[in-house]
Amino acid sequence: MKLKGTVKDWELDGLVETYHENGQLDSKGTFKDGKLNGPTERYHENGQLREKGTLKDNEKCGEWLEQGETVTYDPC
């Protein structure tokens, strides 16, 4: 399986998870109207967290953890 989630009116809607070829979780995030909106996490193939934060209309906002460092974007 590479993607698990729901579709509404032909667009991703709600919690969606994607997976690496080895079966490990690649990412999980919440879609609304076909765009990422809300908490999002991405992982390396070995299962370690790569980045974590919030997206609004597919854009990073607020505080993110990226490669072990905190990065701040415009507020959500």
Foldseek 3Di string as FASTA:
>chain_A
DAKDADDDPNAGAAWMWGADPVGATAKIAGDDPRFGFFWMWGADNVNHTAKIAGDDRNHGAAWMQHRNDIDHHHHD
